[in-house]
Protein backbone atom coordinates (compact mmCIF):
# COMPACT_ATOMS: atom_id res chain seq x y z
CA MET A 1 18.83 7.37 5.32
CA PHE A 2 17.13 7.31 9.18
CA SER A 3 18.71 9.88 11.74
CA ARG A 4 20.68 8.61 14.90
CA ALA A 5 17.77 9.67 16.95
CA ILE A 6 15.63 6.53 15.23
CA LEU A 7 18.33 4.38 15.42
CA LEU A 8 18.75 5.29 19.30
CA ALA A 9 15.10 5.28 20.41
CA ALA A 10 15.17 1.26 18.30
CA THR A 11 17.86 0.33 21.02
CA LEU A 12 15.13 1.10 23.56
CA ILE A 13 11.90 -0.40 22.74
CA TRP A 14 13.03 -3.35 20.29
CA PRO A 15 11.67 -6.74 22.25
CA ALA A 16 14.48 -9.07 22.96
CA THR A 17 12.24 -11.80 21.21
CA LEU A 18 12.04 -9.52 18.68
CA VAL A 19 15.40 -8.92 17.96
CA ALA A 20 16.41 -12.36 18.15
CA GLN A 21 13.74 -13.68 15.73
CA THR A 22 14.96 -10.80 13.05
CA GLN A 23 18.81 -10.89 13.38
CA GLY A 24 20.15 -12.57 10.24
CA ALA A 25 16.90 -12.35 8.52
CA PRO A 26 16.36 -10.61 5.15
CA LEU A 27 14.41 -7.85 6.84
CA ALA A 28 15.95 -6.78 10.40
CA LEU A 29 13.80 -4.76 12.40
CA GLU A 30 15.26 -1.56 12.79
CA ALA A 31 12.59 1.27 15.13
CA LYS A 32 9.02 1.47 15.99
CA ILE A 33 7.59 4.56 15.87
CA PRO A 34 4.62 4.86 18.30
CA LEU A 35 1.31 6.73 16.97
CA GLY A 36 -0.02 7.22 20.01
CA GLU A 37 -3.75 7.12 21.03
CA VAL A 38 -4.67 5.15 18.06
CA SER A 39 -7.68 2.30 18.14
CA GLY A 40 -8.76 -0.02 15.64
CA ARG A 41 -7.81 -0.78 12.12
CA ILE A 42 -4.58 0.59 10.27
CA ASP A 43 -5.19 0.76 6.45
CA HIS A 44 -2.67 1.94 4.00
CA LEU A 45 0.41 4.38 3.93
CA ALA A 46 2.21 6.80 1.96
CA VAL A 47 5.17 9.00 1.73
CA ASP A 48 6.80 12.62 1.07
CA LEU A 49 10.12 12.50 0.34
CA LYS A 50 11.04 15.97 0.42
CA ARG A 51 9.74 16.61 3.95
CA GLN A 52 10.20 12.79 5.39
CA ARG A 53 7.06 12.73 5.92
CA LEU A 54 4.77 9.25 6.24
CA PHE A 55 1.14 9.16 6.38
CA VAL A 56 -0.82 6.61 7.71
CA ALA A 57 -4.79 6.11 6.85
CA GLU A 58 -6.01 5.47 10.45
CA LEU A 59 -9.37 3.80 9.36
CA GLY A 60 -10.89 2.23 12.30
CA ASN A 61 -9.25 5.83 14.64
CA ASP A 62 -10.95 8.28 11.63
CA THR A 63 -7.65 10.06 11.68
CA LEU A 64 -4.69 10.69 9.28
CA GLY A 65 -0.94 10.14 11.69
CA VAL A 66 1.92 11.94 9.89
CA VAL A 67 5.04 10.56 10.84
CA ASP A 68 8.41 12.88 10.79
CA LEU A 69 10.81 9.84 9.82
CA ALA A 70 13.50 12.58 10.25
CA VAL A 71 13.21 12.23 14.08
CA GLY A 72 11.01 9.13 14.30
CA LYS A 73 7.95 10.21 16.06
CA VAL A 74 3.95 11.92 14.73
CA LEU A 75 4.20 15.16 13.74
CA ARG A 76 -0.10 15.72 13.97
CA THR A 77 -2.59 13.87 13.78
CA ILE A 78 -5.47 14.74 11.66
CA THR A 79 -8.98 14.06 13.11
CA GLY A 80 -12.45 14.60 11.56
CA LEU A 81 -12.37 12.15 8.88
CA LYS A 82 -14.49 9.19 7.88
CA GLU A 83 -12.67 5.55 7.56
CA PRO A 84 -9.92 6.73 5.94
CA GLN A 85 -8.68 3.89 3.82
CA GLY A 86 -5.94 5.05 0.84
CA VAL A 87 -3.74 7.95 0.75
CA ALA A 88 -0.89 9.60 -1.64
CA TYR A 89 1.33 12.40 -1.47
CA VAL A 90 0.80 14.03 -5.14
CA GLY A 91 4.12 15.28 -5.75
CA PHE A 92 3.44 17.25 -9.04
CA ALA A 93 0.51 19.18 -7.28
CA ASP A 94 2.23 19.02 -3.74
CA SER A 95 -0.53 17.89 -2.15
CA VAL A 96 -2.18 15.00 -0.22
CA TYR A 97 -5.48 12.75 -1.34
CA VAL A 98 -7.06 10.67 1.38
CA ALA A 99 -10.09 8.34 0.29
CA ASN A 100 -12.70 7.77 3.09
CA GLY A 101 -14.15 4.84 2.68
CA GLY A 102 -17.32 6.02 5.44
CA ASP A 103 -18.71 8.88 3.59
CA GLY A 104 -17.20 7.99 -0.14
CA SER A 105 -15.58 11.29 -0.12
CA VAL A 106 -11.50 12.48 -1.22
CA ARG A 107 -10.13 15.08 1.05
CA MET A 108 -7.03 17.02 -0.01
CA ARG A 109 -4.91 19.20 1.83
CA ARG A 110 -1.72 21.25 1.20
CA GLY A 111 1.46 19.83 1.45
CA GLU A 112 3.76 21.99 3.50
CA ASP A 113 1.06 23.00 5.75
CA LEU A 114 -1.33 20.44 5.30
CA ALA A 115 -4.49 22.45 5.38
CA PRO A 116 -7.56 21.52 3.66
CA ILE A 117 -7.71 22.54 -0.09
CA GLY A 118 -10.51 20.46 -1.37
CA ARG A 119 -12.76 17.94 -1.16
CA ILE A 120 -14.51 15.43 -3.68
CA GLU A 121 -17.99 13.10 -2.99
CA LEU A 122 -17.85 10.08 -4.38
CA GLY A 123 -20.54 8.67 -3.00
CA ASP A 124 -19.35 5.43 -1.77
CA ASP A 125 -16.66 3.43 0.00
CA ALA A 126 -13.74 5.59 -1.28
CA ASP A 127 -10.83 3.04 -1.78
CA ASN A 128 -7.30 3.00 -3.14
CA VAL A 129 -5.51 5.79 -4.32
CA ARG A 130 -2.56 6.04 -6.84
CA VAL A 131 -1.50 8.95 -8.86
CA ASP A 132 -1.21 8.90 -12.94
CA MET A 133 2.47 10.54 -13.40
CA ALA A 134 2.26 10.23 -16.99
CA ARG A 135 -0.97 12.35 -17.30
CA ASN A 136 -0.83 14.30 -14.14
CA LYS A 137 -3.88 12.72 -12.82
CA VAL A 138 -4.86 10.86 -9.47
CA LEU A 139 -7.17 7.96 -9.87
CA VAL A 140 -9.38 6.67 -6.80
CA GLY A 141 -10.87 3.13 -6.73
CA TYR A 142 -14.84 3.50 -5.20
CA GLY A 143 -18.11 2.71 -5.08
CA LYS A 144 -19.60 -1.19 -6.47
CA GLY A 145 -17.23 -0.45 -9.62
CA ALA A 146 -15.14 2.11 -10.80
CA LEU A 147 -12.00 4.16 -10.68
CA ALA A 148 -12.56 8.42 -10.19
CA ILE A 149 -9.99 10.05 -12.50
CA ILE A 150 -9.33 13.02 -10.58
CA ASP A 151 -7.47 16.50 -12.15
CA PRO A 152 -5.38 17.98 -9.21
CA ALA A 153 -4.95 21.20 -11.40
CA THR A 154 -8.92 22.21 -10.78
CA ARG A 155 -9.38 19.20 -7.82
CA THR A 156 -12.67 18.01 -9.68
CA LYS A 157 -13.43 14.26 -11.24
CA ALA A 158 -13.12 14.12 -14.56
CA ALA A 159 -14.23 11.09 -15.71
CA ASP A 160 -14.61 7.67 -14.46
CA ILE A 161 -13.64 3.84 -15.43
CA ARG A 162 -16.43 1.59 -14.88
CA LEU A 163 -15.46 -1.91 -13.63
CA LYS A 164 -17.11 -5.31 -12.77
CA GLY A 165 -17.35 -4.53 -9.06
CA HIS A 166 -15.50 -2.52 -6.31
CA PRO A 167 -11.96 -2.26 -7.33
CA GLU A 168 -9.11 -3.13 -4.52
CA GLY A 169 -5.67 -3.18 -5.19
CA PHE A 170 -4.72 -1.58 -8.91
CA GLN A 171 -1.44 -0.42 -9.99
CA ILE A 172 -0.61 1.60 -13.37
CA ASP A 173 2.23 -0.60 -15.57
CA GLU A 174 5.77 0.34 -15.74
CA THR A 175 5.03 1.55 -19.33
CA GLY A 176 2.40 3.97 -18.06
CA THR A 177 -0.34 3.17 -20.70
CA GLN A 178 -2.56 0.18 -18.40
CA VAL A 179 -4.06 -0.06 -15.39
CA PHE A 180 -4.37 -3.41 -13.64
CA VAL A 181 -7.33 -3.69 -11.31
CA ASN A 182 -7.92 -6.83 -8.70
CA VAL A 183 -11.79 -6.79 -8.53
CA PRO A 184 -12.53 -9.81 -6.43
CA ASP A 185 -16.26 -9.39 -6.11
CA ALA A 186 -16.17 -10.36 -9.82
CA PRO A 187 -13.61 -12.26 -9.44
CA ASP A 188 -11.78 -10.92 -12.21
CA ILE A 189 -8.21 -8.93 -12.86
CA GLU A 190 -9.01 -6.23 -15.15
CA ALA A 191 -6.71 -4.18 -17.42
CA VAL A 192 -7.62 -1.37 -18.79
CA GLU A 193 -6.13 0.59 -21.53
CA LEU A 194 -5.84 4.44 -20.21
CA ALA A 195 -5.71 6.33 -23.69
CA THR A 196 -8.92 4.20 -24.91
CA GLY A 197 -10.58 2.68 -22.19
CA ALA A 198 -10.20 -0.55 -23.90
CA LYS A 199 -10.65 -3.38 -21.24
CA ARG A 200 -9.50 -6.93 -21.22
CA SER A 201 -9.86 -9.64 -17.87
CA LEU A 202 -6.74 -11.77 -17.08
CA PRO A 203 -6.62 -15.04 -15.55
CA THR A 204 -7.09 -15.94 -12.07
CA ASP A 205 -7.12 -19.48 -11.94
CA SER A 206 -10.08 -19.96 -9.99
CA LEU A 207 -7.96 -18.55 -7.31
CA ARG A 208 -10.35 -15.87 -4.65
CA SER A 209 -10.37 -12.73 -2.96
CA ASN A 210 -7.64 -10.85 -5.02
CA PHE A 211 -6.45 -8.11 -2.83
CA PRO A 212 -3.13 -6.58 -3.21
CA MET A 213 -1.12 -5.73 -6.24
CA ALA A 214 1.94 -5.03 -7.23
CA ILE A 215 3.92 -4.21 -10.64
CA ASP A 216 7.36 -5.80 -11.27
CA ALA A 217 8.82 -3.18 -13.83
CA GLU A 218 12.03 -4.98 -15.14
CA ALA A 219 10.62 -8.67 -15.18
CA HIS A 220 7.08 -6.70 -16.92
CA ARG A 221 4.62 -8.44 -14.69
CA VAL A 222 1.72 -7.70 -12.83
CA LEU A 223 2.11 -9.59 -9.10
CA VAL A 224 -1.55 -10.53 -7.75
CA VAL A 225 -1.87 -11.64 -4.21
CA PHE A 226 -5.18 -13.74 -3.74
CA ARG A 227 -6.43 -14.59 0.13
CA SER A 228 -8.32 -17.86 -0.87
CA PRO A 229 -6.41 -19.88 -1.03
CA PRO A 230 -3.16 -17.60 0.04
CA THR A 231 -1.35 -17.50 -3.42
CA LEU A 232 0.50 -14.63 -5.12
CA MET A 233 0.68 -14.95 -8.99
CA ALA A 234 2.66 -13.30 -11.81
CA LEU A 235 1.16 -12.30 -14.92
CA SER A 236 2.93 -10.74 -17.63
CA SER A 237 1.91 -7.38 -18.18
CA GLN A 238 2.02 -7.59 -22.08
CA ASP A 239 -0.11 -10.72 -23.05
CA GLY A 240 -1.73 -11.75 -19.44
CA ARG A 241 0.20 -14.94 -19.25
CA VAL A 242 0.70 -16.82 -16.23
CA ALA A 243 4.40 -17.00 -15.34
CA ALA A 244 4.37 -18.18 -11.42
CA LYS A 245 2.59 -19.18 -8.50
CA LEU A 246 3.61 -19.29 -5.33
CA GLU A 247 1.87 -19.99 -1.87
CA THR A 248 1.97 -17.37 0.71
CA CYS A 249 1.02 -15.96 4.28
CA GLY A 250 -2.58 -15.41 5.32
CA ASP A 251 -4.74 -12.56 4.73
CA ALA A 252 -2.42 -10.40 2.69
CA ASP A 253 -3.58 -6.55 2.09
CA ASP A 254 -0.11 -5.38 0.56
CA VAL A 255 2.75 -6.19 -1.76
CA PHE A 256 5.50 -4.33 -2.66
CA VAL A 257 8.51 -5.31 -5.37
CA ASP A 258 12.50 -4.47 -4.31
CA ALA A 259 13.77 -4.39 -7.84
CA LYS A 260 17.59 -3.77 -6.22
CA ARG A 261 17.53 -7.41 -4.54
CA ARG A 262 14.99 -8.92 -6.66
CA ARG A 263 12.88 -9.94 -3.82
CA VAL A 264 9.04 -9.52 -3.14
CA TYR A 265 7.55 -8.38 0.33
CA VAL A 266 3.99 -9.28 1.14
CA SER A 267 2.53 -8.22 4.34
CA CYS A 268 -0.22 -10.46 6.18
CA GLY A 269 -2.64 -9.96 8.79
CA GLU A 270 -1.75 -13.68 9.87
CA GLY A 271 1.35 -11.74 11.86
CA VAL A 272 3.97 -11.77 9.53
CA VAL A 273 5.75 -10.51 6.40
CA ASP A 274 6.68 -13.05 3.87
CA VAL A 275 9.98 -11.97 2.44
CA LEU A 276 10.42 -13.93 -1.35
CA GLU A 277 13.03 -14.01 -3.93
CA GLN A 278 12.72 -13.78 -7.68
CA ARG A 279 14.38 -16.62 -9.79
CA GLU A 280 14.68 -18.10 -13.44
CA ALA A 281 11.70 -20.87 -12.85
CA GLY A 282 9.33 -18.41 -10.25
CA TYR A 283 10.03 -17.22 -6.89
CA ALA A 284 11.05 -19.08 -3.60
CA ARG A 285 10.24 -17.75 0.19
CA LEU A 286 13.61 -17.07 1.74
CA ALA A 287 12.01 -15.59 5.51
CA ARG A 288 8.43 -15.50 7.10
CA VAL A 289 9.56 -12.30 9.22
CA PRO A 290 6.75 -12.03 12.20
CA THR A 291 5.24 -8.88 12.76
CA VAL A 292 2.00 -9.03 14.97
CA SER A 293 -1.53 -10.18 14.21
CA GLY A 294 -3.66 -7.64 11.98
CA ALA A 295 -0.98 -6.03 10.59
CA ARG A 296 -1.77 -6.31 6.94
CA THR A 297 -0.50 -3.16 5.29
CA SER A 298 2.94 -1.70 4.69
CA LEU A 299 4.70 0.56 2.39
CA PHE A 300 8.03 -0.12 0.74
CA VAL A 301 9.76 2.89 -0.40
CA PRO A 302 12.94 2.08 -2.32
CA GLU A 303 14.37 5.75 -1.54
CA LEU A 304 14.82 4.96 1.61
CA ASP A 305 15.13 1.10 1.26
CA ARG A 306 12.98 0.82 4.35
CA LEU A 307 9.84 -1.38 4.82
CA PHE A 308 7.58 0.31 6.80
CA VAL A 309 4.55 -1.80 8.36
CA ALA A 310 1.07 -0.68 9.65
CA VAL A 311 0.89 -2.60 13.31
CA ARG A 312 -2.62 -1.84 15.12
CA ALA A 313 -2.67 -1.54 18.75
CA ARG A 314 -3.57 -4.64 20.95
CA SER A 315 -3.13 -5.60 24.46
CA SER A 316 0.55 -6.31 23.98
CA GLU A 317 1.38 -3.88 21.39
CA PRO A 318 0.76 -0.37 21.34
CA ALA A 319 -0.05 1.34 17.67
CA ALA A 320 3.40 1.86 15.72
CA ILE A 321 4.85 1.43 12.58
CA TRP A 322 7.34 -0.87 12.66
CA VAL A 323 10.54 -0.20 10.49
CA PHE A 324 12.15 -3.03 8.83
CA ARG A 325 15.69 -2.85 6.91
CA PRO A 326 16.13 -4.98 3.96
CA ALA A 327 19.41 -6.88 4.89
């Protein structure tokens, strides 16, 4: 749970119009945490629950922001990166992995003091990062079509999973046996058996630009959000069958499942978060919660019961993390 310091700060920095818009909505704006002098695009987020730290890949700024959630302020800004895109906290290795699109490197830092502990050169466009808890590995999408399998014990690349094109959003399924990968350039959704490397394709129904992805573990579904046209499609993680489709907000870059409330959150660059509710017949929109134009990336943390939305600097808004509480 957040400290009283964050809640007090929130009362001082909420804009009245936005408070009015979020009151009574399924997501209530609880706080804004300023990121300081951060310019340009902000990409993905990760959390170290033990230390209550939020990591922010500040792509346009070539920095990694480290936010102390207990006090609601930036603890540290790590410089010297090259277009950081993906970031993950690896609990079993107590380390932070940062994938850099600008030089294709994966930089590793120790969790406790954030000191650098390693670097792997993947060669080109290192992007999203996921943790394979079942095998104690880290997966990083990169290049013209591959997932690098990294061994945190040796801090080296152990193998590659080859794909049809550059991977965008990807997720390991609820059984820990498959990884589903959005490959928008193909266009395709590839499903790969982690044990054998066997691959199959899932239907895209002629939709294009599939970027964000989430796993609905309870429903055994893969949720894929397309940008053209803006659509959420739910597929069975077992047989690939299309279970449901629904129009969403535009320019989506992250999607998350709130299992507690049977909801889905889609954060979009058009300046909204779509809140969807799972129903027997599919999904229905509960609300479209306003944010800021360009705020595409987010992170829902079930353990904290909060949705963090990354807001890039605009003329009327400084760069910040907006904290939403599900209502």
